[in-house]
PDB file of N, CA and C in Angstrom:
ATOM      1  N   MET A   1     -16.084 -40.330 -47.906  1.00  0.00           N
ATOM      2  CA  MET A   1     -15.295 -39.261 -47.911  1.00  0.00           C
ATOM      3  C   MET A   1     -15.120 -38.152 -48.376  1.00  0.00           C
ATOM      4  N   ILE A   2     -14.825 -37.072 -47.597  1.00  0.00           N
ATOM      5  CA  ILE A   2     -14.449 -35.774 -47.846  1.00  0.00           C
ATOM      6  C   ILE A   2     -13.110 -35.405 -48.180  1.00  0.00           C
ATOM      7  N   LYS A   3     -13.502 -34.119 -49.634  1.00  0.00           N
ATOM      8  CA  LYS A   3     -12.574 -33.867 -50.128  1.00  0.00           C
ATOM      9  C   LYS A   3     -11.953 -32.814 -49.044  1.00  0.00           C
ATOM     10  N   LYS A   4     -10.693 -32.452 -49.547  1.00  0.00           N
ATOM     11  CA  LYS A   4     -10.224 -30.444 -48.705  1.00  0.00           C
ATOM     12  C   LYS A   4      -9.405 -30.806 -50.223  1.00  0.00           C
ATOM     13  N   LYS A   5     -10.606 -29.033 -49.676  1.00  0.00           N
ATOM     14  CA  LYS A   5      -9.129 -28.501 -50.936  1.00  0.00           C
ATOM     15  C   LYS A   5      -7.872 -27.835 -51.113  1.00  0.00           C
ATOM     16  N   ASN A   6      -6.690 -28.437 -51.373  1.00  0.00           N
ATOM     17  CA  ASN A   6      -5.224 -28.054 -51.695  1.00  0.00           C
ATOM     18  C   ASN A   6      -5.562 -26.955 -52.146  1.00  0.00           C
ATOM     19  N   LYS A   7      -5.192 -25.649 -50.994  1.00  0.00           N
ATOM     20  CA  LYS A   7      -5.629 -24.246 -51.379  1.00  0.00           C
ATOM     21  C   LYS A   7      -3.854 -23.402 -51.456  1.00  0.00           C
ATOM     22  N   GLU A   8      -2.902 -23.477 -52.874  1.00  0.00           N
ATOM     23  CA  GLU A   8      -2.005 -22.976 -52.742  1.00  0.00           C
ATOM     24  C   GLU A   8      -1.846 -21.707 -51.959  1.00  0.00           C
ATOM     25  N   ILE A   9      -1.055 -21.058 -51.724  1.00  0.00           N
ATOM     26  CA  ILE A   9      -0.939 -20.011 -50.963  1.00  0.00           C
ATOM     27  C   ILE A   9       0.315 -19.124 -51.341  1.00  0.00           C
ATOM     28  N   THR A  10      -0.403 -18.264 -52.543  1.00  0.00           N
ATOM     29  CA  THR A  10       0.576 -17.712 -53.305  1.00  0.00           C
ATOM     30  C   THR A  10       1.976 -16.241 -52.220  1.00  0.00           C
ATOM     31  N   ASN A  11       2.931 -16.364 -52.890  1.00  0.00           N
ATOM     32  CA  ASN A  11       3.578 -15.525 -52.311  1.00  0.00           C
ATOM     33  C   ASN A  11       3.653 -14.087 -51.609  1.00  0.00           C
ATOM     34  N   ILE A  12       2.721 -13.600 -52.572  1.00  0.00           N
ATOM     35  CA  ILE A  12       1.982 -12.263 -51.828  1.00  0.00           C
ATOM     36  C   ILE A  12       0.811 -12.669 -50.723  1.00  0.00           C
ATOM     37  N   GLU A  13       0.397 -13.542 -50.782  1.00  0.00           N
ATOM     38  CA  GLU A  13      -0.399 -13.586 -50.196  1.00  0.00           C
ATOM     39  C   GLU A  13       0.234 -13.920 -48.493  1.00  0.00           C
ATOM     40  N   LEU A  14       1.095 -14.706 -48.814  1.00  0.00           N
ATOM     41  CA  LEU A  14       1.884 -15.287 -47.802  1.00  0.00           C
ATOM     42  C   LEU A  14       2.669 -13.581 -46.632  1.00  0.00           C
ATOM     43  N   LEU A  15       2.984 -12.952 -48.143  1.00  0.00           N
ATOM     44  CA  LEU A  15       4.083 -11.563 -47.119  1.00  0.00           C
ATOM     45  C   LEU A  15       2.970 -11.017 -46.784  1.00  0.00           C
ATOM     46  N   LYS A  16       1.733 -10.955 -47.207  1.00  0.00           N
ATOM     47  CA  LYS A  16       0.676 -10.409 -46.301  1.00  0.00           C
ATOM     48  C   LYS A  16       0.435 -10.783 -45.196  1.00  0.00           C
ATOM     49  N   SER A  17       0.289 -11.796 -44.884  1.00  0.00           N
ATOM     50  CA  SER A  17      -0.368 -12.191 -43.874  1.00  0.00           C
ATOM     51  C   SER A  17       0.490 -12.412 -42.997  1.00  0.00           C
ATOM     52  N   ILE A  18       1.865 -12.321 -43.329  1.00  0.00           N
ATOM     53  CA  ILE A  18       3.284 -12.771 -42.502  1.00  0.00           C
ATOM     54  C   ILE A  18       3.330 -10.761 -41.744  1.00  0.00           C
ATOM     55  N   ASN A  19       3.037  -9.950 -42.519  1.00  0.00           N
ATOM     56  CA  ASN A  19       3.100  -8.399 -42.461  1.00  0.00           C
ATOM     57  C   ASN A  19       1.963  -8.516 -41.647  1.00  0.00           C
ATOM     58  N   ARG A  20       1.070  -8.909 -41.733  1.00  0.00           N
ATOM     59  CA  ARG A  20      -0.467  -8.624 -40.632  1.00  0.00           C
ATOM     60  C   ARG A  20      -0.121  -9.051 -39.128  1.00  0.00           C
ATOM     61  N   SER A  21       0.773 -10.170 -39.294  1.00  0.00           N
ATOM     62  CA  SER A  21       1.295 -10.947 -37.434  1.00  0.00           C
ATOM     63  C   SER A  21       1.765  -9.883 -37.380  1.00  0.00           C
ATOM     64  N   PHE A  22       3.053  -9.128 -37.674  1.00  0.00           N
ATOM     65  CA  PHE A  22       4.068  -8.157 -37.419  1.00  0.00           C
ATOM     66  C   PHE A  22       3.323  -7.504 -37.120  1.00  0.00           C
ATOM     67  N   SER A  23       2.499  -6.631 -37.574  1.00  0.00           N
ATOM     68  CA  SER A  23       1.795  -5.427 -37.179  1.00  0.00           C
ATOM     69  C   SER A  23       0.635  -5.974 -36.072  1.00  0.00           C
ATOM     70  N   ASN A  24       0.538  -6.821 -36.097  1.00  0.00           N
ATOM     71  CA  ASN A  24      -0.840  -7.454 -34.514  1.00  0.00           C
ATOM     72  C   ASN A  24       0.529  -7.262 -33.503  1.00  0.00           C
ATOM     73  N   ILE A  25       1.775  -8.071 -33.583  1.00  0.00           N
ATOM     74  CA  ILE A  25       2.680  -7.890 -32.557  1.00  0.00           C
ATOM     75  C   ILE A  25       3.370  -6.274 -32.240  1.00  0.00           C
ATOM     76  N   GLU A  26       3.297  -5.907 -33.169  1.00  0.00           N
ATOM     77  CA  GLU A  26       3.890  -4.726 -33.258  1.00  0.00           C
ATOM     78  C   GLU A  26       3.208  -3.235 -32.154  1.00  0.00           C
ATOM     79  N   LYS A  27       1.462  -3.356 -32.401  1.00  0.00           N
ATOM     80  CA  LYS A  27       0.740  -3.193 -31.578  1.00  0.00           C
ATOM     81  C   LYS A  27       0.939  -3.551 -30.359  1.00  0.00           C
ATOM     82  N   LYS A  28       0.962  -5.010 -30.276  1.00  0.00           N
ATOM     83  CA  LYS A  28       1.142  -5.520 -28.634  1.00  0.00           C
ATOM     84  C   LYS A  28       2.326  -5.003 -27.725  1.00  0.00           C
ATOM     85  N   MET A  29       3.481  -5.152 -28.237  1.00  0.00           N
ATOM     86  CA  MET A  29       5.030  -4.709 -27.912  1.00  0.00           C
ATOM     87  C   MET A  29       5.095  -3.495 -27.410  1.00  0.00           C
ATOM     88  N   ALA A  30       5.248  -3.379 -25.809  1.00  0.00           N
ATOM     89  CA  ALA A  30       5.857  -1.672 -25.157  1.00  0.00           C
ATOM     90  C   ALA A  30       6.853  -0.802 -26.381  1.00  0.00           C
ATOM     91  N   THR A  31       5.763   0.257 -25.809  1.00  0.00           N
ATOM     92  CA  THR A  31       7.116   1.337 -26.604  1.00  0.00           C
ATOM     93  C   THR A  31       8.051   2.081 -26.051  1.00  0.00           C
ATOM     94  N   LYS A  32       9.105   2.376 -26.242  1.00  0.00           N
ATOM     95  CA  LYS A  32      10.026   3.163 -25.152  1.00  0.00           C
ATOM     96  C   LYS A  32       9.716   3.396 -23.771  1.00  0.00           C
ATOM     97  N   ASP A  33       8.840   4.610 -24.503  1.00  0.00           N
ATOM     98  CA  ASP A  33       7.905   5.615 -23.394  1.00  0.00           C
ATOM     99  C   ASP A  33       6.404   4.249 -22.568  1.00  0.00           C
ATOM    100  N   ASP A  34       6.504   3.572 -22.647  1.00  0.00           N
ATOM    101  CA  ASP A  34       6.501   2.920 -21.566  1.00  0.00           C
ATOM    102  C   ASP A  34       7.506   1.825 -20.999  1.00  0.00           C
ATOM    103  N   LEU A  35       8.480   1.743 -21.348  1.00  0.00           N
ATOM    104  CA  LEU A  35       9.350   0.666 -20.738  1.00  0.00           C
ATOM    105  C   LEU A  35       9.299   1.740 -19.935  1.00  0.00           C
ATOM    106  N   LYS A  36       9.621   2.926 -19.862  1.00  0.00           N
ATOM    107  CA  LYS A  36      11.072   4.585 -19.426  1.00  0.00           C
ATOM    108  C   LYS A  36       9.324   3.963 -17.841  1.00  0.00           C
ATOM    109  N   ASN A  37       8.100   3.623 -18.342  1.00  0.00           N
ATOM    110  CA  ASN A  37       7.490   4.234 -16.618  1.00  0.00           C
ATOM    111  C   ASN A  37       7.044   3.281 -15.858  1.00  0.00           C
ATOM    112  N   LEU A  38       8.136   1.946 -16.627  1.00  0.00           N
ATOM    113  CA  LEU A  38       7.743   0.726 -15.791  1.00  0.00           C
ATOM    114  C   LEU A  38       8.390   0.769 -14.549  1.00  0.00           C
ATOM    115  N   ALA A  39       8.460   0.013 -13.646  1.00  0.00           N
ATOM    116  CA  ALA A  39       9.379   0.667 -12.544  1.00  0.00           C
ATOM    117  C   ALA A  39      10.328  -0.877 -12.439  1.00  0.00           C
ATOM    118  N   THR A  40      11.229  -0.440 -12.185  1.00  0.00           N
ATOM    119  CA  THR A  40      12.435  -1.811 -12.322  1.00  0.00           C
ATOM    120  C   THR A  40      12.226  -2.429 -10.822  1.00  0.00           C
ATOM    121  N   LYS A  41      12.620  -4.035 -10.862  1.00  0.00           N
ATOM    122  CA  LYS A  41      12.855  -4.373  -9.742  1.00  0.00           C
ATOM    123  C   LYS A  41      13.603  -4.321  -8.789  1.00  0.00           C
ATOM    124  N   ILE A  42      14.534  -3.343  -8.785  1.00  0.00           N
ATOM    125  CA  ILE A  42      15.374  -2.483  -7.658  1.00  0.00           C
ATOM    126  C   ILE A  42      14.350  -1.267  -7.429  1.00  0.00           C
ATOM    127  N   GLU A  43      13.676  -0.798  -8.217  1.00  0.00           N
ATOM    128  CA  GLU A  43      12.453  -0.096  -7.656  1.00  0.00           C
ATOM    129  C   GLU A  43      11.527  -0.337  -6.827  1.00  0.00           C
ATOM    130  N   ILE A  44      11.036  -0.994  -7.119  1.00  0.00           N
ATOM    131  CA  ILE A  44      10.252  -2.539  -6.667  1.00  0.00           C
ATOM    132  C   ILE A  44      10.811  -2.311  -5.072  1.00  0.00           C
ATOM    133  N   GLU A  45      11.915  -2.235  -4.807  1.00  0.00           N
ATOM    134  CA  GLU A  45      12.459  -3.624  -4.172  1.00  0.00           C
ATOM    135  C   GLU A  45      12.723  -2.222  -2.626  1.00  0.00           C
ATOM    136  N   GLN A  46      12.772  -1.123  -3.373  1.00  0.00           N
ATOM    137  CA  GLN A  46      13.680  -0.399  -2.296  1.00  0.00           C
ATOM    138  C   GLN A  46      11.839   0.123  -1.884  1.00  0.00           C
ATOM    139  N   ILE A  47      11.496   0.167  -3.101  1.00  0.00           N
ATOM    140  CA  ILE A  47       9.372   0.782  -2.592  1.00  0.00           C
ATOM    141  C   ILE A  47       9.258  -0.202  -1.046  1.00  0.00           C
ATOM    142  N   ARG A  48       9.330  -2.174  -1.608  1.00  0.00           N
ATOM    143  CA  ARG A  48       8.956  -2.345  -0.208  1.00  0.00           C
ATOM    144  C   ARG A  48       9.477  -1.877   0.976  1.00  0.00           C
ATOM    145  N   VAL A  49      11.296  -1.839   1.007  1.00  0.00           N
ATOM    146  CA  VAL A  49      12.020  -1.234   2.546  1.00  0.00           C
ATOM    147  C   VAL A  49      11.508  -0.335   2.598  1.00  0.00           C
ATOM    148  N   ASP A  50      11.071   0.621   1.870  1.00  0.00           N
ATOM    149  CA  ASP A  50      10.623   2.080   2.635  1.00  0.00           C
ATOM    150  C   ASP A  50       9.315   2.258   2.950  1.00  0.00           C
ATOM    151  N   LEU A  51       8.794   1.112   2.323  1.00  0.00           N
ATOM    152  CA  LEU A  51       7.426   0.671   3.144  1.00  0.00           C
ATOM    153  C   LEU A  51       7.623   0.180   4.921  1.00  0.00           C
ATOM    154  N   ARG A  52       8.084  -0.746   4.964  1.00  0.00           N
ATOM    155  CA  ARG A  52       8.637  -1.814   6.033  1.00  0.00           C
ATOM    156  C   ARG A  52       9.063  -0.227   7.090  1.00  0.00           C
ATOM    157  N   GLY A  53      10.010   0.353   6.859  1.00  0.00           N
ATOM    158  CA  GLY A  53      10.570   1.087   7.104  1.00  0.00           C
ATOM    159  C   GLY A  53       9.256   2.430   7.471  1.00  0.00           C
ATOM    160  N   PHE A  54       8.608   2.894   7.192  1.00  0.00           N
ATOM    161  CA  PHE A  54       7.451   3.193   7.726  1.00  0.00           C
ATOM    162  C   PHE A  54       6.102   2.688   8.373  1.00  0.00           C
ATOM    163  N   LYS A  55       5.585   1.412   7.985  1.00  0.00           N
ATOM    164  CA  LYS A  55       4.964   0.766   9.221  1.00  0.00           C
ATOM    165  C   LYS A  55       5.662   1.122  10.482  1.00  0.00           C
ATOM    166  N   GLN A  56       6.820   0.186  10.421  1.00  0.00           N
ATOM    167  CA  GLN A  56       7.837   0.204  11.759  1.00  0.00           C
ATOM    168  C   GLN A  56       7.737   1.911  12.538  1.00  0.00           C
ATOM    169  N   GLU A  57       8.582   3.034  11.872  1.00  0.00           N
ATOM    170  CA  GLU A  57       8.222   3.899  12.138  1.00  0.00           C
ATOM    171  C   GLU A  57       6.288   4.165  13.002  1.00  0.00           C
ATOM    172  N   THR A  58       5.617   4.936  12.367  1.00  0.00           N
ATOM    173  CA  THR A  58       4.209   4.379  12.444  1.00  0.00           C
ATOM    174  C   THR A  58       4.201   3.821  13.983  1.00  0.00           C
ATOM    175  N   ARG A  59       4.514   2.145  14.146  1.00  0.00           N
ATOM    176  CA  ARG A  59       3.705   1.235  14.911  1.00  0.00           C
ATOM    177  C   ARG A  59       4.860   2.230  16.515  1.00  0.00           C
ATOM    178  N   GLU A  60       6.289   2.512  16.229  1.00  0.00           N
ATOM    179  CA  GLU A  60       6.711   3.579  17.416  1.00  0.00           C
ATOM    180  C   GLU A  60       6.034   4.369  17.711  1.00  0.00           C
ATOM    181  N   ASN A  61       5.825   5.213  16.505  1.00  0.00           N
ATOM    182  CA  ASN A  61       5.077   6.546  16.892  1.00  0.00           C
ATOM    183  C   ASN A  61       3.279   6.043  17.635  1.00  0.00           C
ATOM    184  N   PHE A  62       2.983   4.894  17.236  1.00  0.00           N
ATOM    185  CA  PHE A  62       1.393   5.033  18.288  1.00  0.00           C
ATOM    186  C   PHE A  62       2.308   4.421  19.511  1.00  0.00           C
ATOM    187  N   GLU A  63       3.126   3.537  19.153  1.00  0.00           N
ATOM    188  CA  GLU A  63       3.502   2.648  20.932  1.00  0.00           C
ATOM    189  C   GLU A  63       3.974   3.976  21.843  1.00  0.00           C
ATOM    190  N   GLU A  64       4.435   5.056  21.199  1.00  0.00           N
ATOM    191  CA  GLU A  64       4.958   6.675  21.617  1.00  0.00           C
ATOM    192  C   GLU A  64       3.377   7.391  22.458  1.00  0.00           C
ATOM    193  N   VAL A  65       2.181   7.147  21.451  1.00  0.00           N
ATOM    194  CA  VAL A  65       1.085   8.283  21.836  1.00  0.00           C
ATOM    195  C   VAL A  65       0.600   6.811  23.113  1.00  0.00           C
ATOM    196  N   ASN A  66       0.424   5.863  22.329  1.00  0.00           N
ATOM    197  CA  ASN A  66      -0.545   5.481  23.910  1.00  0.00           C
ATOM    198  C   ASN A  66       0.372   5.417  25.115  1.00  0.00           C
ATOM    199  N   GLN A  67       1.928   5.238  25.237  1.00  0.00           N
ATOM    200  CA  GLN A  67       2.428   5.578  26.430  1.00  0.00           C
ATOM    201  C   GLN A  67       2.037   6.797  27.221  1.00  0.00           C
ATOM    202  N   LYS A  68       1.957   8.164  26.199  1.00  0.00           N
ATOM    203  CA  LYS A  68       1.568   9.740  26.683  1.00  0.00           C
ATOM    204  C   LYS A  68       0.123   9.730  27.569  1.00  0.00           C
ATOM    205  N   ILE A  69      -0.919   8.641  26.184  1.00  0.00           N
ATOM    206  CA  ILE A  69      -1.612   8.309  26.921  1.00  0.00           C
ATOM    207  C   ILE A  69      -2.328   7.894  28.361  1.00  0.00           C
ATOM    208  N   ASP A  70      -1.379   6.587  28.516  1.00  0.00           N
ATOM    209  CA  ASP A  70      -1.524   6.034  29.845  1.00  0.00           C
ATOM    210  C   ASP A  70      -1.221   6.738  30.738  1.00  0.00           C
ATOM    211  N   ASP A  71      -0.001   7.755  30.446  1.00  0.00           N
ATOM    212  CA  ASP A  71       0.499   8.493  31.644  1.00  0.00           C
ATOM    213  C   ASP A  71      -0.261   9.728  32.182  1.00  0.00           C
ATOM    214  N   LEU A  72      -1.164   9.951  31.019  1.00  0.00           N
ATOM    215  CA  LEU A  72      -2.077  11.061  30.839  1.00  0.00           C
ATOM    216  C   LEU A  72      -3.744  10.710  31.845  1.00  0.00           C
ATOM    217  N   ILE A  73      -3.644   9.628  31.125  1.00  0.00           N
ATOM    218  CA  ILE A  73      -4.575   8.629  32.396  1.00  0.00           C
ATOM    219  C   ILE A  73      -4.815   8.439  33.903  1.00  0.00           C
ATOM    220  N   GLU A  74      -3.097   8.407  34.212  1.00  0.00           N
ATOM    221  CA  GLU A  74      -2.668   7.972  35.594  1.00  0.00           C
ATOM    222  C   GLU A  74      -2.236   8.955  36.083  1.00  0.00           C
ATOM    223  N   THR A  75      -1.743  10.607  35.928  1.00  0.00           N
ATOM    224  CA  THR A  75      -1.841  11.806  36.206  1.00  0.00           C
ATOM    225  C   THR A  75      -4.035  12.306  36.773  1.00  0.00           C
ATOM    226  N   ILE A  76      -4.310  12.065  35.590  1.00  0.00           N
ATOM    227  CA  ILE A  76      -5.833  12.263  35.881  1.00  0.00           C
ATOM    228  C   ILE A  76      -6.276  11.293  37.261  1.00  0.00           C
ATOM    229  N   GLU A  77      -6.311  10.623  36.718  1.00  0.00           N
ATOM    230  CA  GLU A  77      -6.335   9.301  38.270  1.00  0.00           C
ATOM    231  C   GLU A  77      -6.338   9.684  39.379  1.00  0.00           C
ATOM    232  N   ASP A  78      -4.977   9.936  39.455  1.00  0.00           N
ATOM    233  CA  ASP A  78      -4.038  10.934  40.633  1.00  0.00           C
ATOM    234  C   ASP A  78      -4.425  12.187  41.126  1.00  0.00           C
ATOM    235  N   VAL A  79      -5.111  12.930  40.118  1.00  0.00           N
ATOM    236  CA  VAL A  79      -5.399  14.252  40.332  1.00  0.00           C
ATOM    237  C   VAL A  79      -7.084  14.228  41.049  1.00  0.00           C
ATOM    238  N   LYS A  80      -7.656  12.825  40.205  1.00  0.00           N
ATOM    239  CA  LYS A  80      -8.888  12.957  40.933  1.00  0.00           C
ATOM    240  C   LYS A  80      -9.206  12.601  42.510  1.00  0.00           C
ATOM    241  N   SER A  81      -8.209  11.215  42.568  1.00  0.00           N
ATOM    242  CA  SER A  81      -8.338  10.750  43.813  1.00  0.00           C
ATOM    243  C   SER A  81      -7.574  11.850  45.074  1.00  0.00           C
ATOM    244  N   ASN A  82      -6.685  13.020  44.348  1.00  0.00           N
ATOM    245  CA  ASN A  82      -6.428  13.383  45.928  1.00  0.00           C
ATOM    246  C   ASN A  82      -7.543  14.969  45.592  1.00  0.00           C
ATOM    247  N   HIS A  83      -8.460  15.153  44.706  1.00  0.00           N
ATOM    248  CA  HIS A  83      -9.400  16.256  45.015  1.00  0.00           C
ATOM    249  C   HIS A  83     -10.892  15.582  45.691  1.00  0.00           C
ATOM    250  N   GLU A  84     -10.422  14.004  45.544  1.00  0.00           N
ATOM    251  CA  GLU A  84     -11.716  13.524  46.097  1.00  0.00           C
ATOM    252  C   GLU A  84     -11.498  13.467  47.539  1.00  0.00           C
ATOM    253  N   SER A  85     -10.320  12.948  48.255  1.00  0.00           N
ATOM    254  CA  SER A  85     -10.031  12.950  49.961  1.00  0.00           C
ATOM    255  C   SER A  85     -10.081  14.250  50.311  1.00  0.00           C
ATOM    256  N   ARG A  86      -9.385  15.414  49.241  1.00  0.00           N
ATOM    257  CA  ARG A  86     -10.175  17.085  49.582  1.00  0.00           C
ATOM    258  C   ARG A  86     -11.162  17.253  50.104  1.00  0.00           C
ATOM    259  N   ILE A  87     -12.063  16.779  49.044  1.00  0.00           N
ATOM    260  CA  ILE A  87     -13.524  17.322  49.220  1.00  0.00           C
ATOM    261  C   ILE A  87     -13.973  16.336  50.446  1.00  0.00           C
ATOM    262  N   GLU A  88     -13.413  14.942  50.617  1.00  0.00           N
ATOM    263  CA  GLU A  88     -14.190  14.475  51.117  1.00  0.00           C
ATOM    264  C   GLU A  88     -14.171  15.151  52.880  1.00  0.00           C
ATOM    265  N   VAL A  89     -12.561  15.487  53.021  1.00  0.00           N
ATOM    266  CA  VAL A  89     -12.096  16.601  54.203  1.00  0.00           C
ATOM    267  C   VAL A  89     -12.682  17.854  54.939  1.00  0.00           C
ATOM    268  N   LEU A  90     -13.071  18.275  53.766  1.00  0.00           N
ATOM    269  CA  LEU A  90     -13.966  19.597  53.516  1.00  0.00           C
ATOM    270  C   LEU A  90     -15.499  19.260  53.693  1.00  0.00           C
ATOM    271  N   GLU A  91     -16.028  18.285  53.275  1.00  0.00           N
ATOM    272  CA  GLU A  91     -17.275  17.545  54.044  1.00  0.00           C
ATOM    273  C   GLU A  91     -17.622  17.476  55.316  1.00  0.00           C
ATOM    274  N   GLY A  92     -16.134  16.871  56.008  1.00  0.00           N
ATOM    275  CA  GLY A  92     -16.547  16.884  57.223  1.00  0.00           C
ATOM    276  C   GLY A  92     -16.241  17.324  58.218  1.00  0.00           C
ATOM    277  N   LYS A  93     -15.307  19.196  57.922  1.00  0.00           N
ATOM    278  CA  LYS A  93     -15.586  19.240  58.481  1.00  0.00           C
ATOM    279  C   LYS A  93     -16.488  20.976  58.610  1.00  0.00           C
ATOM    280  N   THR A  94     -17.280  20.385  57.537  1.00  0.00           N
ATOM    281  CA  THR A  94     -18.378  21.672  56.968  1.00  0.00           C
ATOM    282  C   THR A  94     -19.554  20.940  57.716  1.00  0.00           C
ATOM    283  N   GLY A  95     -19.382  19.483  57.960  1.00  0.00           N
ATOM    284  CA  GLY A  95     -20.601  18.670  58.303  1.00  0.00           C
ATOM    285  C   GLY A  95     -21.976  18.624  57.120  1.00  0.00           C
ATOM    286  N   LEU A  96     -21.945  18.395  55.875  1.00  0.00           N
ATOM    287  CA  LEU A  96     -21.832  18.136  54.794  1.00  0.00           C
ATOM    288  C   LEU A  96     -22.570  16.853  54.525  1.00  0.00           C
TER     289      LEU A  96
END
């Protein structure tokens, strides 16, 4: 059978132990400055709303740019076909 030593702790040792525990807890606790730098739930939600708005605006801008590119391609194709037909007419007249 194993005998356990029943060591009684003195009041001073108990107080020192409690003090160490509180000191460790205080080291892990946030300071007022730390808390000031944390974003609140409301601020985070506002950031999400702003981000959604930015994404939507970006999509709309890209849609507008894509439409302008499509219009330019169409215009270029029209000009190209117009020039090709004129070139063919000129070639026919010159015998080339």
